[in-house]
Amino acid sequence: MSKANSIREMSDEQLEHELRETQQSLFRLRLQAATERNDVPSNVRKMRRNIARIRTIQRERELAKA
């Protein structure tokens, strides 16, 4: 199953929680990158894409309600 499908199965509350956690993880990764302690630089891109997926699905649901 793709990531988008697994995200679509989440409830609105779960999406909000997942978004907050992912944003906090991205912040920590950016701090690590700034202090040159980031072991895997590609994780920043993965986090950004995951945030974009979550926001896209939230927007789809918002438009579907309207």
N, C-alpha and C. Protein backbone atom coordinates (compact mmCIF):
# COMPACT_ATOMS: atom_id res chain seq x y z
N MET A 1 0.85 -1.18 0.00
CA MET A 1 0.00 0.00 0.00
C MET A 1 0.89 1.24 0.00
N SER A 2 0.51 2.24 -0.76
CA SER A 2 1.32 3.45 -0.82
C SER A 2 1.10 4.31 0.42
N LYS A 3 1.99 5.26 0.61
CA LYS A 3 1.88 6.14 1.76
C LYS A 3 0.62 6.98 1.72
N ALA A 4 0.27 7.45 0.54
CA ALA A 4 -0.92 8.29 0.41
C ALA A 4 -2.18 7.51 0.80
N ASN A 5 -2.25 6.26 0.42
CA ASN A 5 -3.41 5.45 0.79
C ASN A 5 -3.48 5.24 2.30
N SER A 6 -2.35 4.99 2.92
CA SER A 6 -2.36 4.79 4.37
C SER A 6 -2.71 6.09 5.10
N ILE A 7 -2.30 7.22 4.55
CA ILE A 7 -2.64 8.51 5.16
C ILE A 7 -4.13 8.80 4.98
N ARG A 8 -4.68 8.43 3.83
CA ARG A 8 -6.12 8.66 3.59
C ARG A 8 -7.00 7.86 4.54
N GLU A 9 -6.50 6.76 5.06
CA GLU A 9 -7.28 5.94 5.98
C GLU A 9 -7.35 6.54 7.38
N MET A 10 -6.52 7.53 7.67
CA MET A 10 -6.50 8.16 8.99
C MET A 10 -7.68 9.10 9.14
N SER A 11 -8.08 9.30 10.40
CA SER A 11 -9.14 10.26 10.68
C SER A 11 -8.54 11.67 10.67
N ASP A 12 -9.39 12.67 10.74
CA ASP A 12 -8.92 14.05 10.74
C ASP A 12 -8.03 14.34 11.94
N GLU A 13 -8.39 13.82 13.10
CA GLU A 13 -7.60 14.03 14.30
C GLU A 13 -6.23 13.35 14.18
N GLN A 14 -6.21 12.16 13.62
CA GLN A 14 -4.95 11.46 13.43
C GLN A 14 -4.05 12.22 12.46
N LEU A 15 -4.65 12.80 11.42
CA LEU A 15 -3.88 13.58 10.45
C LEU A 15 -3.25 14.80 11.12
N GLU A 16 -4.02 15.50 11.95
CA GLU A 16 -3.49 16.66 12.67
C GLU A 16 -2.31 16.26 13.56
N HIS A 17 -2.49 15.16 14.27
CA HIS A 17 -1.43 14.67 15.16
C HIS A 17 -0.18 14.28 14.36
N GLU A 18 -0.37 13.57 13.28
CA GLU A 18 0.74 13.15 12.43
C GLU A 18 1.46 14.35 11.82
N LEU A 19 0.70 15.36 11.43
CA LEU A 19 1.29 16.57 10.86
C LEU A 19 2.16 17.27 11.90
N ARG A 20 1.65 17.42 13.13
CA ARG A 20 2.43 18.06 14.18
C ARG A 20 3.72 17.30 14.47
N GLU A 21 3.61 15.98 14.57
CA GLU A 21 4.80 15.16 14.85
C GLU A 21 5.83 15.26 13.73
N THR A 22 5.37 15.24 12.50
CA THR A 22 6.28 15.31 11.36
C THR A 22 6.96 16.67 11.29
N GLN A 23 6.21 17.74 11.58
CA GLN A 23 6.80 19.06 11.58
C GLN A 23 7.86 19.20 12.68
N GLN A 24 7.61 18.61 13.84
CA GLN A 24 8.59 18.65 14.92
C GLN A 24 9.83 17.85 14.55
N SER A 25 9.65 16.73 13.90
CA SER A 25 10.78 15.92 13.46
C SER A 25 11.61 16.68 12.42
N LEU A 26 10.93 17.36 11.51
CA LEU A 26 11.62 18.15 10.49
C LEU A 26 12.44 19.26 11.15
N PHE A 27 11.88 19.89 12.15
CA PHE A 27 12.60 20.95 12.87
C PHE A 27 13.86 20.39 13.50
N ARG A 28 13.74 19.24 14.15
CA ARG A 28 14.92 18.61 14.77
C ARG A 28 15.97 18.25 13.72
N LEU A 29 15.53 17.74 12.58
CA LEU A 29 16.48 17.40 11.52
C LEU A 29 17.19 18.65 10.98
N ARG A 30 16.44 19.74 10.87
CA ARG A 30 17.07 20.98 10.39
C ARG A 30 18.10 21.48 11.39
N LEU A 31 17.83 21.35 12.68
CA LEU A 31 18.81 21.74 13.68
C LEU A 31 20.06 20.87 13.58
N GLN A 32 19.86 19.59 13.39
CA GLN A 32 20.99 18.68 13.25
C GLN A 32 21.81 19.04 12.01
N ALA A 33 21.13 19.40 10.93
CA ALA A 33 21.84 19.77 9.70
C ALA A 33 22.64 21.05 9.91
N ALA A 34 22.08 21.97 10.69
CA ALA A 34 22.77 23.24 10.94
C ALA A 34 24.02 23.03 11.79
N THR A 35 23.98 22.04 12.67
CA THR A 35 25.12 21.77 13.54
C THR A 35 26.00 20.65 12.98
N GLU A 36 25.72 20.27 11.73
CA GLU A 36 26.49 19.25 11.02
C GLU A 36 26.49 17.89 11.71
N ARG A 37 25.38 17.55 12.31
CA ARG A 37 25.24 16.24 12.96
C ARG A 37 24.21 15.37 12.26
N ASN A 38 23.75 15.81 11.13
CA ASN A 38 22.72 15.08 10.40
C ASN A 38 23.36 13.89 9.68
N ASP A 39 23.01 12.69 10.10
CA ASP A 39 23.59 11.48 9.53
C ASP A 39 23.03 11.17 8.15
N VAL A 40 21.73 11.40 7.97
CA VAL A 40 21.08 11.06 6.71
C VAL A 40 20.38 12.32 6.17
N PRO A 41 21.03 13.06 5.30
CA PRO A 41 20.44 14.31 4.78
C PRO A 41 19.15 14.09 4.00
N SER A 42 18.96 12.92 3.44
CA SER A 42 17.75 12.67 2.64
C SER A 42 16.49 12.61 3.50
N ASN A 43 16.65 12.48 4.81
CA ASN A 43 15.48 12.45 5.70
C ASN A 43 14.73 13.77 5.70
N VAL A 44 15.43 14.88 5.49
CA VAL A 44 14.77 16.19 5.43
C VAL A 44 13.79 16.21 4.26
N ARG A 45 14.22 15.72 3.11
CA ARG A 45 13.35 15.68 1.93
C ARG A 45 12.16 14.76 2.18
N LYS A 46 12.39 13.63 2.81
CA LYS A 46 11.30 12.69 3.09
C LYS A 46 10.26 13.31 4.01
N MET A 47 10.73 14.02 5.03
CA MET A 47 9.80 14.67 5.96
C MET A 47 8.99 15.75 5.25
N ARG A 48 9.64 16.55 4.41
CA ARG A 48 8.94 17.60 3.68
C ARG A 48 7.87 17.02 2.77
N ARG A 49 8.20 15.94 2.11
CA ARG A 49 7.23 15.30 1.22
C ARG A 49 6.06 14.70 2.00
N ASN A 50 6.35 14.14 3.16
CA ASN A 50 5.29 13.57 3.99
C ASN A 50 4.35 14.67 4.48
N ILE A 51 4.91 15.82 4.87
CA ILE A 51 4.09 16.95 5.28
C ILE A 51 3.20 17.40 4.11
N ALA A 52 3.77 17.44 2.92
CA ALA A 52 2.99 17.83 1.74
C ALA A 52 1.86 16.84 1.47
N ARG A 53 2.13 15.56 1.63
CA ARG A 53 1.08 14.55 1.44
C ARG A 53 -0.06 14.76 2.42
N ILE A 54 0.29 14.98 3.68
CA ILE A 54 -0.74 15.15 4.72
C ILE A 54 -1.57 16.39 4.43
N ARG A 55 -0.91 17.49 4.10
CA ARG A 55 -1.64 18.73 3.81
C ARG A 55 -2.51 18.60 2.57
N THR A 56 -2.05 17.87 1.57
CA THR A 56 -2.85 17.65 0.36
C THR A 56 -4.12 16.88 0.68
N ILE A 57 -4.00 15.86 1.48
CA ILE A 57 -5.17 15.05 1.84
C ILE A 57 -6.12 15.85 2.71
N GLN A 58 -5.58 16.67 3.62
CA GLN A 58 -6.44 17.54 4.42
C GLN A 58 -7.21 18.50 3.53
N ARG A 59 -6.55 19.05 2.53
CA ARG A 59 -7.19 19.98 1.61
C ARG A 59 -8.25 19.28 0.77
N GLU A 60 -7.98 18.06 0.34
CA GLU A 60 -8.97 17.29 -0.43
C GLU A 60 -10.22 17.08 0.40
N ARG A 61 -10.05 16.76 1.67
CA ARG A 61 -11.21 16.54 2.55
C ARG A 61 -11.97 17.85 2.77
N GLU A 62 -11.23 18.95 2.90
CA GLU A 62 -11.86 20.25 3.11
C GLU A 62 -12.70 20.61 1.88
N LEU A 63 -12.18 20.37 0.70
CA LEU A 63 -12.92 20.68 -0.51
C LEU A 63 -14.11 19.75 -0.70
N ALA A 64 -13.98 18.52 -0.26
CA ALA A 64 -15.07 17.57 -0.40
C ALA A 64 -16.26 17.95 0.49
N LYS A 65 -15.96 18.56 1.64
CA LYS A 65 -17.03 18.98 2.56
C LYS A 65 -17.78 20.19 2.02
N ALA A 66 -17.09 21.01 1.26
CA ALA A 66 -17.71 22.26 0.77
C ALA A 66 -18.61 22.03 -0.42
